[in-house]
Amino acid sequence: RDSGETPMIGDKVYVHYTGRLLNGKKFDSSHDRGEPFTFNLGIGQMIKAWDLAVASMSKGEVCEITCKPEYTYGVSWNPPKIPPNSTLVFEMVALLEG
């Protein structure tokens, strides 16, 4: 793919990200682990906000998204460090798509 093209549903995508609560507190970062996060786009492996955002990104593009709870984890399930019904902010960079 050309660097200006966006990934397609089902493509394996690689992103570096930092996730924060609205108060700025970091809850997760692929940068801290030293490797990008990988998932298949648009098939429900990730929160809805990521599927929507990454689908519009091209290789090397950087974005910041603010995500309402209905596009993240909502009230029914939350990973450690994320209170229920939280709005989350992600800084993301799309590294490549397959």
Protein backbone atom coordinates (compact mmCIF):
# COMPACT_ATOMS: atom_id res chain seq x y z
CA ARG A 1 0.00 0.00 0.00
CA ASP A 2 0.96 3.58 -0.57
CA SER A 3 1.65 5.57 2.58
CA GLY A 4 -1.42 7.76 1.90
CA GLU A 5 -3.85 4.85 1.81
CA THR A 6 -5.96 3.88 4.78
CA PRO A 7 -6.28 0.30 6.05
CA MET A 8 -9.20 -1.94 5.15
CA ILE A 9 -11.49 -3.96 7.43
CA GLY A 10 -9.64 -7.07 8.55
CA ASP A 11 -6.16 -5.64 7.94
CA LYS A 12 -3.59 -6.16 10.66
CA VAL A 13 -2.62 -2.70 11.90
CA TYR A 14 0.22 -1.54 14.13
CA VAL A 15 -0.18 1.53 16.33
CA HIS A 16 1.77 3.23 19.06
CA TYR A 17 -0.47 4.91 21.60
CA THR A 18 -0.75 6.52 24.98
CA GLY A 19 -4.07 6.35 26.80
CA ARG A 20 -5.07 8.92 29.40
CA LEU A 21 -8.07 9.73 31.55
CA LEU A 22 -9.60 13.19 31.08
CA ASN A 23 -7.62 14.39 34.12
CA GLY A 24 -4.41 13.59 32.20
CA LYS A 25 -3.47 10.48 34.19
CA LYS A 26 -1.83 7.90 31.93
CA PHE A 27 -3.30 4.41 32.21
CA ASP A 28 -1.48 2.63 29.38
CA SER A 29 1.14 3.17 26.68
CA SER A 30 2.67 0.98 24.01
CA HIS A 31 5.70 3.29 24.14
CA ASP A 32 6.37 2.13 27.71
CA ARG A 33 6.47 -1.48 26.49
CA GLY A 34 8.76 -0.58 23.59
CA GLU A 35 6.62 -2.18 20.89
CA PRO A 36 3.52 -1.19 18.94
CA PHE A 37 0.11 -2.68 19.60
CA THR A 38 -1.25 -4.93 16.85
CA PHE A 39 -4.86 -5.77 16.02
CA ASN A 40 -7.10 -6.63 13.08
CA LEU A 41 -9.14 -3.59 12.10
CA GLY A 42 -12.92 -3.49 12.28
CA ILE A 43 -13.67 -6.99 13.51
CA GLY A 44 -14.39 -6.20 17.15
CA GLN A 45 -10.96 -6.95 18.63
CA MET A 46 -10.62 -3.41 19.97
CA ILE A 47 -12.82 -0.69 21.38
CA LYS A 48 -15.12 0.92 18.81
CA ALA A 49 -13.26 4.25 19.01
CA TRP A 50 -10.03 2.64 17.82
CA ASP A 51 -11.71 0.83 14.93
CA LEU A 52 -13.27 4.11 13.77
CA ALA A 53 -10.15 6.25 14.22
CA VAL A 54 -7.54 3.89 12.76
CA ALA A 55 -9.75 3.17 9.73
CA SER A 56 -9.29 6.80 8.67
CA MET A 57 -5.54 7.00 9.35
CA SER A 58 -2.72 6.56 6.85
CA LYS A 59 0.76 5.26 7.63
CA GLY A 60 2.69 7.67 9.84
CA GLU A 61 -0.34 9.78 10.68
CA VAL A 62 -0.64 10.99 14.26
CA CYS A 63 -3.93 11.79 15.97
CA GLU A 64 -5.47 12.46 19.34
CA ILE A 65 -8.97 11.17 19.96
CA THR A 66 -11.29 11.85 22.86
CA CYS A 67 -13.65 8.92 23.32
CA LYS A 68 -16.97 8.85 25.15
CA PRO A 69 -17.66 5.73 27.25
CA GLU A 70 -20.02 4.24 24.65
CA TYR A 71 -17.04 4.05 22.26
CA THR A 72 -14.67 2.58 24.86
CA TYR A 73 -15.52 0.35 27.82
CA GLY A 74 -18.81 1.85 29.05
CA VAL A 75 -20.04 0.91 32.50
CA SER A 76 -20.20 -2.87 32.25
CA TRP A 77 -16.50 -3.74 32.04
CA ASN A 78 -13.35 -1.78 32.64
CA PRO A 79 -9.70 -2.74 32.63
CA PRO A 80 -7.57 -1.90 35.66
CA LYS A 81 -6.80 1.81 36.12
CA ILE A 82 -9.93 2.92 34.20
CA PRO A 83 -13.00 3.89 36.27
CA PRO A 84 -16.42 2.84 34.89
CA ASN A 85 -18.09 5.25 32.46
CA SER A 86 -14.84 7.12 31.71
CA THR A 87 -14.15 9.37 28.74
CA LEU A 88 -10.68 8.46 27.48
CA VAL A 89 -8.06 10.31 25.43
CA PHE A 90 -5.67 8.45 23.14
CA GLU A 91 -2.65 9.82 21.31
CA MET A 92 -2.03 7.43 18.42
CA VAL A 93 0.34 6.98 15.50
CA ALA A 94 -0.39 4.50 12.72
CA LEU A 95 2.87 2.72 11.91
CA LEU A 96 1.80 0.44 9.11
CA GLU A 97 -1.01 -1.69 7.87
CA GLY A 98 -0.87 -5.06 6.24
